[in-house]
Amino acid sequence: MLPNVGYGELLIILVVALLLFGANRIPEVARSLGRSINAFKSGLKEGLEDEKKDDVKKP
């Protein structure tokens, strides 16, 4: 289960991220995170499609 994250906790997380990465790197980090999530999803989708093809070929 995920805990409920309120505005205070979210603000603290954003401040810590700003201190760790700096203002210039945060968009770059977010962009690379989004690309990696998309790559992961497409890999899962390809794996499922390959598995379906293997199931059809088996007698």
PDB file of N, CA and C in Angstrom:
ATOM      1  N   MET A   1       0.837  -1.181   0.000  1.00  0.00           N
ATOM      2  CA  MET A   1       0.000   0.000   0.000  1.00  0.00           C
ATOM      3  C   MET A   1       0.882   1.243   0.000  1.00  0.00           C
ATOM      4  N   LEU A   2       0.420   2.231  -0.729  1.00  0.00           N
ATOM      5  CA  LEU A   2       1.132   3.490  -0.749  1.00  0.00           C
ATOM      6  C   LEU A   2       0.562   4.407   0.316  1.00  0.00           C
ATOM      7  N   PRO A   3       1.439   5.083   1.026  1.00  0.00           N
ATOM      8  CA  PRO A   3       0.935   6.026   2.025  1.00  0.00           C
ATOM      9  C   PRO A   3       0.376   7.273   1.348  1.00  0.00           C
ATOM     10  N   ASN A   4      -0.515   7.938   2.031  1.00  0.00           N
ATOM     11  CA  ASN A   4      -1.054   9.188   1.515  1.00  0.00           C
ATOM     12  C   ASN A   4       0.010  10.268   1.628  1.00  0.00           C
ATOM     13  N   VAL A   5       0.297  10.941   0.526  1.00  0.00           N
ATOM     14  CA  VAL A   5       1.289  12.010   0.517  1.00  0.00           C
ATOM     15  C   VAL A   5       0.544  13.324   0.411  1.00  0.00           C
ATOM     16  N   GLY A   6       0.707  14.147   1.438  1.00  0.00           N
ATOM     17  CA  GLY A   6       0.047  15.445   1.457  1.00  0.00           C
ATOM     18  C   GLY A   6       0.920  16.521   0.840  1.00  0.00           C
ATOM     19  N   TYR A   7       0.436  17.748   0.905  1.00  0.00           N
ATOM     20  CA  TYR A   7       1.159  18.865   0.318  1.00  0.00           C
ATOM     21  C   TYR A   7       2.480  19.128   1.045  1.00  0.00           C
ATOM     22  N   GLY A   8       2.492  18.964   2.341  1.00  0.00           N
ATOM     23  CA  GLY A   8       3.721  19.202   3.108  1.00  0.00           C
ATOM     24  C   GLY A   8       4.823  18.228   2.732  1.00  0.00           C
ATOM     25  N   GLU A   9       4.470  16.954   2.641  1.00  0.00           N
ATOM     26  CA  GLU A   9       5.465  15.941   2.269  1.00  0.00           C
ATOM     27  C   GLU A   9       5.960  16.146   0.850  1.00  0.00           C
ATOM     28  N   LEU A  10       5.036  16.494  -0.047  1.00  0.00           N
ATOM     29  CA  LEU A  10       5.410  16.745  -1.440  1.00  0.00           C
ATOM     30  C   LEU A  10       6.352  17.940  -1.548  1.00  0.00           C
ATOM     31  N   LEU A  11       6.100  18.973  -0.780  1.00  0.00           N
ATOM     32  CA  LEU A  11       6.966  20.153  -0.766  1.00  0.00           C
ATOM     33  C   LEU A  11       8.358  19.800  -0.261  1.00  0.00           C
ATOM     34  N   ILE A  12       8.439  18.983   0.773  1.00  0.00           N
ATOM     35  CA  ILE A  12       9.734  18.557   1.300  1.00  0.00           C
ATOM     36  C   ILE A  12      10.498  17.746   0.261  1.00  0.00           C
ATOM     37  N   ILE A  13       9.817  16.849  -0.425  1.00  0.00           N
ATOM     38  CA  ILE A  13      10.460  16.034  -1.468  1.00  0.00           C
ATOM     39  C   ILE A  13      10.988  16.924  -2.585  1.00  0.00           C
ATOM     40  N   LEU A  14      10.213  17.923  -3.001  1.00  0.00           N
ATOM     41  CA  LEU A  14      10.652  18.828  -4.062  1.00  0.00           C
ATOM     42  C   LEU A  14      11.843  19.675  -3.637  1.00  0.00           C
ATOM     43  N   VAL A  15      11.864  20.123  -2.402  1.00  0.00           N
ATOM     44  CA  VAL A  15      12.998  20.915  -1.902  1.00  0.00           C
ATOM     45  C   VAL A  15      14.259  20.062  -1.844  1.00  0.00           C
ATOM     46  N   VAL A  16      14.135  18.826  -1.383  1.00  0.00           N
ATOM     47  CA  VAL A  16      15.290  17.929  -1.333  1.00  0.00           C
ATOM     48  C   VAL A  16      15.803  17.642  -2.740  1.00  0.00           C
ATOM     49  N   ALA A  17      14.902  17.421  -3.696  1.00  0.00           N
ATOM     50  CA  ALA A  17      15.310  17.189  -5.081  1.00  0.00           C
ATOM     51  C   ALA A  17      16.011  18.421  -5.645  1.00  0.00           C
ATOM     52  N   LEU A  18      15.520  19.590  -5.327  1.00  0.00           N
ATOM     53  CA  LEU A  18      16.142  20.823  -5.789  1.00  0.00           C
ATOM     54  C   LEU A  18      17.546  20.977  -5.213  1.00  0.00           C
ATOM     55  N   LEU A  19      17.712  20.633  -3.955  1.00  0.00           N
ATOM     56  CA  LEU A  19      19.035  20.724  -3.329  1.00  0.00           C
ATOM     57  C   LEU A  19      19.999  19.684  -3.892  1.00  0.00           C
ATOM     58  N   LEU A  20      19.507  18.487  -4.172  1.00  0.00           N
ATOM     59  CA  LEU A  20      20.380  17.427  -4.674  1.00  0.00           C
ATOM     60  C   LEU A  20      20.799  17.651  -6.126  1.00  0.00           C
ATOM     61  N   PHE A  21      19.856  18.029  -6.985  1.00  0.00           N
ATOM     62  CA  PHE A  21      20.130  18.084  -8.411  1.00  0.00           C
ATOM     63  C   PHE A  21      20.359  19.490  -8.939  1.00  0.00           C
ATOM     64  N   GLY A  22      19.862  20.499  -8.279  1.00  0.00           N
ATOM     65  CA  GLY A  22      19.960  21.856  -8.792  1.00  0.00           C
ATOM     66  C   GLY A  22      18.806  22.160  -9.725  1.00  0.00           C
ATOM     67  N   ALA A  23      18.548  23.426  -9.918  1.00  0.00           N
ATOM     68  CA  ALA A  23      17.393  23.847 -10.709  1.00  0.00           C
ATOM     69  C   ALA A  23      17.545  23.483 -12.181  1.00  0.00           C
ATOM     70  N   ASN A  24      18.761  23.462 -12.699  1.00  0.00           N
ATOM     71  CA  ASN A  24      18.962  23.194 -14.120  1.00  0.00           C
ATOM     72  C   ASN A  24      18.835  21.723 -14.461  1.00  0.00           C
ATOM     73  N   ARG A  25      19.134  20.848 -13.538  1.00  0.00           N
ATOM     74  CA  ARG A  25      19.142  19.414 -13.842  1.00  0.00           C
ATOM     75  C   ARG A  25      17.809  18.729 -13.602  1.00  0.00           C
ATOM     76  N   ILE A  26      16.895  19.324 -12.872  1.00  0.00           N
ATOM     77  CA  ILE A  26      15.618  18.679 -12.558  1.00  0.00           C
ATOM     78  C   ILE A  26      14.818  18.355 -13.826  1.00  0.00           C
ATOM     79  N   PRO A  27      14.673  19.273 -14.797  1.00  0.00           N
ATOM     80  CA  PRO A  27      13.955  18.885 -16.028  1.00  0.00           C
ATOM     81  C   PRO A  27      14.654  17.759 -16.782  1.00  0.00           C
ATOM     82  N   GLU A  28      15.967  17.770 -16.772  1.00  0.00           N
ATOM     83  CA  GLU A  28      16.733  16.709 -17.439  1.00  0.00           C
ATOM     84  C   GLU A  28      16.501  15.356 -16.765  1.00  0.00           C
ATOM     85  N   VAL A  29      16.493  15.343 -15.449  1.00  0.00           N
ATOM     86  CA  VAL A  29      16.254  14.108 -14.703  1.00  0.00           C
ATOM     87  C   VAL A  29      14.827  13.612 -14.941  1.00  0.00           C
ATOM     88  N   ALA A  30      13.863  14.513 -14.933  1.00  0.00           N
ATOM     89  CA  ALA A  30      12.472  14.128 -15.165  1.00  0.00           C
ATOM     90  C   ALA A  30      12.290  13.582 -16.578  1.00  0.00           C
ATOM     91  N   ARG A  31      12.953  14.189 -17.549  1.00  0.00           N
ATOM     92  CA  ARG A  31      12.861  13.726 -18.930  1.00  0.00           C
ATOM     93  C   ARG A  31      13.436  12.324 -19.077  1.00  0.00           C
ATOM     94  N   SER A  32      14.591  12.091 -18.472  1.00  0.00           N
ATOM     95  CA  SER A  32      15.199  10.764 -18.578  1.00  0.00           C
ATOM     96  C   SER A  32      14.383   9.719 -17.824  1.00  0.00           C
ATOM     97  N   LEU A  33      13.762  10.105 -16.722  1.00  0.00           N
ATOM     98  CA  LEU A  33      12.887   9.186 -16.000  1.00  0.00           C
ATOM     99  C   LEU A  33      11.682   8.809 -16.852  1.00  0.00           C
ATOM    100  N   GLY A  34      11.089   9.773 -17.529  1.00  0.00           N
ATOM    101  CA  GLY A  34       9.956   9.495 -18.410  1.00  0.00           C
ATOM    102  C   GLY A  34      10.341   8.580 -19.565  1.00  0.00           C
ATOM    103  N   ARG A  35      11.527   8.810 -20.144  1.00  0.00           N
ATOM    104  CA  ARG A  35      11.989   7.957 -21.238  1.00  0.00           C
ATOM    105  C   ARG A  35      12.225   6.530 -20.754  1.00  0.00           C
ATOM    106  N   SER A  36      12.788   6.387 -19.567  1.00  0.00           N
ATOM    107  CA  SER A  36      13.043   5.037 -19.055  1.00  0.00           C
ATOM    108  C   SER A  36      11.739   4.309 -18.739  1.00  0.00           C
ATOM    109  N   ILE A  37      10.741   5.012 -18.241  1.00  0.00           N
ATOM    110  CA  ILE A  37       9.440   4.394 -17.978  1.00  0.00           C
ATOM    111  C   ILE A  37       8.799   3.950 -19.282  1.00  0.00           C
ATOM    112  N   ASN A  38       8.892   4.792 -20.327  1.00  0.00           N
ATOM    113  CA  ASN A  38       8.332   4.415 -21.629  1.00  0.00           C
ATOM    114  C   ASN A  38       9.060   3.212 -22.211  1.00  0.00           C
ATOM    115  N   ALA A  39      10.376   3.154 -22.072  1.00  0.00           N
ATOM    116  CA  ALA A  39      11.138   2.017 -22.571  1.00  0.00           C
ATOM    117  C   ALA A  39      10.753   0.741 -21.821  1.00  0.00           C
ATOM    118  N   PHE A  40      10.548   0.842 -20.530  1.00  0.00           N
ATOM    119  CA  PHE A  40      10.143  -0.299 -19.727  1.00  0.00           C
ATOM    120  C   PHE A  40       8.772  -0.814 -20.170  1.00  0.00           C
ATOM    121  N   LYS A  41       7.831   0.106 -20.379  1.00  0.00           N
ATOM    122  CA  LYS A  41       6.486  -0.285 -20.815  1.00  0.00           C
ATOM    123  C   LYS A  41       6.518  -0.942 -22.188  1.00  0.00           C
ATOM    124  N   SER A  42       7.307  -0.386 -23.107  1.00  0.00           N
ATOM    125  CA  SER A  42       7.369  -0.986 -24.439  1.00  0.00           C
ATOM    126  C   SER A  42       8.040  -2.350 -24.387  1.00  0.00           C
ATOM    127  N   GLY A  43       9.022  -2.528 -23.510  1.00  0.00           N
ATOM    128  CA  GLY A  43       9.647  -3.836 -23.343  1.00  0.00           C
ATOM    129  C   GLY A  43       8.667  -4.861 -22.804  1.00  0.00           C
ATOM    130  N   LEU A  44       7.840  -4.459 -21.863  1.00  0.00           N
ATOM    131  CA  LEU A  44       6.808  -5.360 -21.338  1.00  0.00           C
ATOM    132  C   LEU A  44       5.816  -5.733 -22.430  1.00  0.00           C
ATOM    133  N   LYS A  45       5.433  -4.742 -23.222  1.00  0.00           N
ATOM    134  CA  LYS A  45       4.465  -4.990 -24.294  1.00  0.00           C
ATOM    135  C   LYS A  45       5.041  -5.951 -25.328  1.00  0.00           C
ATOM    136  N   GLU A  46       6.311  -5.763 -25.704  1.00  0.00           N
ATOM    137  CA  GLU A  46       6.960  -6.660 -26.662  1.00  0.00           C
ATOM    138  C   GLU A  46       7.072  -8.073 -26.099  1.00  0.00           C
ATOM    139  N   GLY A  47       7.384  -8.180 -24.830  1.00  0.00           N
ATOM    140  CA  GLY A  47       7.485  -9.489 -24.197  1.00  0.00           C
ATOM    141  C   GLY A  47       6.166 -10.228 -24.198  1.00  0.00           C
ATOM    142  N   LEU A  48       5.092  -9.504 -23.930  1.00  0.00           N
ATOM    143  CA  LEU A  48       3.767 -10.132 -23.940  1.00  0.00           C
ATOM    144  C   LEU A  48       3.376 -10.558 -25.350  1.00  0.00           C
ATOM    145  N   GLU A  49       3.712  -9.725 -26.347  1.00  0.00           N
ATOM    146  CA  GLU A  49       3.393 -10.086 -27.729  1.00  0.00           C
ATOM    147  C   GLU A  49       4.185 -11.315 -28.162  1.00  0.00           C
ATOM    148  N   ASP A  50       5.465 -11.386 -27.791  1.00  0.00           N
ATOM    149  CA  ASP A  50       6.280 -12.550 -28.129  1.00  0.00           C
ATOM    150  C   ASP A  50       5.738 -13.811 -27.458  1.00  0.00           C
ATOM    151  N   GLU A  51       5.284 -13.664 -26.215  1.00  0.00           N
ATOM    152  CA  GLU A  51       4.741 -14.802 -25.486  1.00  0.00           C
ATOM    153  C   GLU A  51       3.457 -15.305 -26.145  1.00  0.00           C
ATOM    154  N   LYS A  52       2.622 -14.372 -26.618  1.00  0.00           N
ATOM    155  CA  LYS A  52       1.393 -14.764 -27.307  1.00  0.00           C
ATOM    156  C   LYS A  52       1.714 -15.495 -28.601  1.00  0.00           C
ATOM    157  N   LYS A  53       2.732 -15.031 -29.336  1.00  0.00           N
ATOM    158  CA  LYS A  53       3.124 -15.678 -30.579  1.00  0.00           C
ATOM    159  C   LYS A  53       3.638 -17.094 -30.300  1.00  0.00           C
ATOM    160  N   ASP A  54       4.403 -17.264 -29.229  1.00  0.00           N
ATOM    161  CA  ASP A  54       4.918 -18.583 -28.867  1.00  0.00           C
ATOM    162  C   ASP A  54       3.771 -19.529 -28.500  1.00  0.00           C
ATOM    163  N   ASP A  55       2.748 -19.014 -27.820  1.00  0.00           N
ATOM    164  CA  ASP A  55       1.610 -19.846 -27.438  1.00  0.00           C
ATOM    165  C   ASP A  55       0.833 -20.315 -28.670  1.00  0.00           C
ATOM    166  N   VAL A  56       0.725 -19.466 -29.672  1.00  0.00           N
ATOM    167  CA  VAL A  56      -0.012 -19.817 -30.886  1.00  0.00           C
ATOM    168  C   VAL A  56       0.750 -20.882 -31.675  1.00  0.00           C
ATOM    169  N   LYS A  57       2.079 -20.812 -31.709  1.00  0.00           N
ATOM    170  CA  LYS A  57       2.884 -21.756 -32.479  1.00  0.00           C
ATOM    171  C   LYS A  57       2.922 -23.144 -31.867  1.00  0.00           C
ATOM    172  N   LYS A  58       2.759 -23.246 -30.559  1.00  0.00           N
ATOM    173  CA  LYS A  58       2.826 -24.558 -29.890  1.00  0.00           C
ATOM    174  C   LYS A  58       1.584 -25.376 -30.223  1.00  0.00           C
ATOM    175  N   PRO A  59       1.761 -26.679 -30.578  1.00  0.00           N
ATOM    176  CA  PRO A  59       0.594 -27.510 -30.912  1.00  0.00           C
ATOM    177  C   PRO A  59      -0.180 -27.956 -29.697  1.00  0.00           C
TER     178      PRO A  59
END
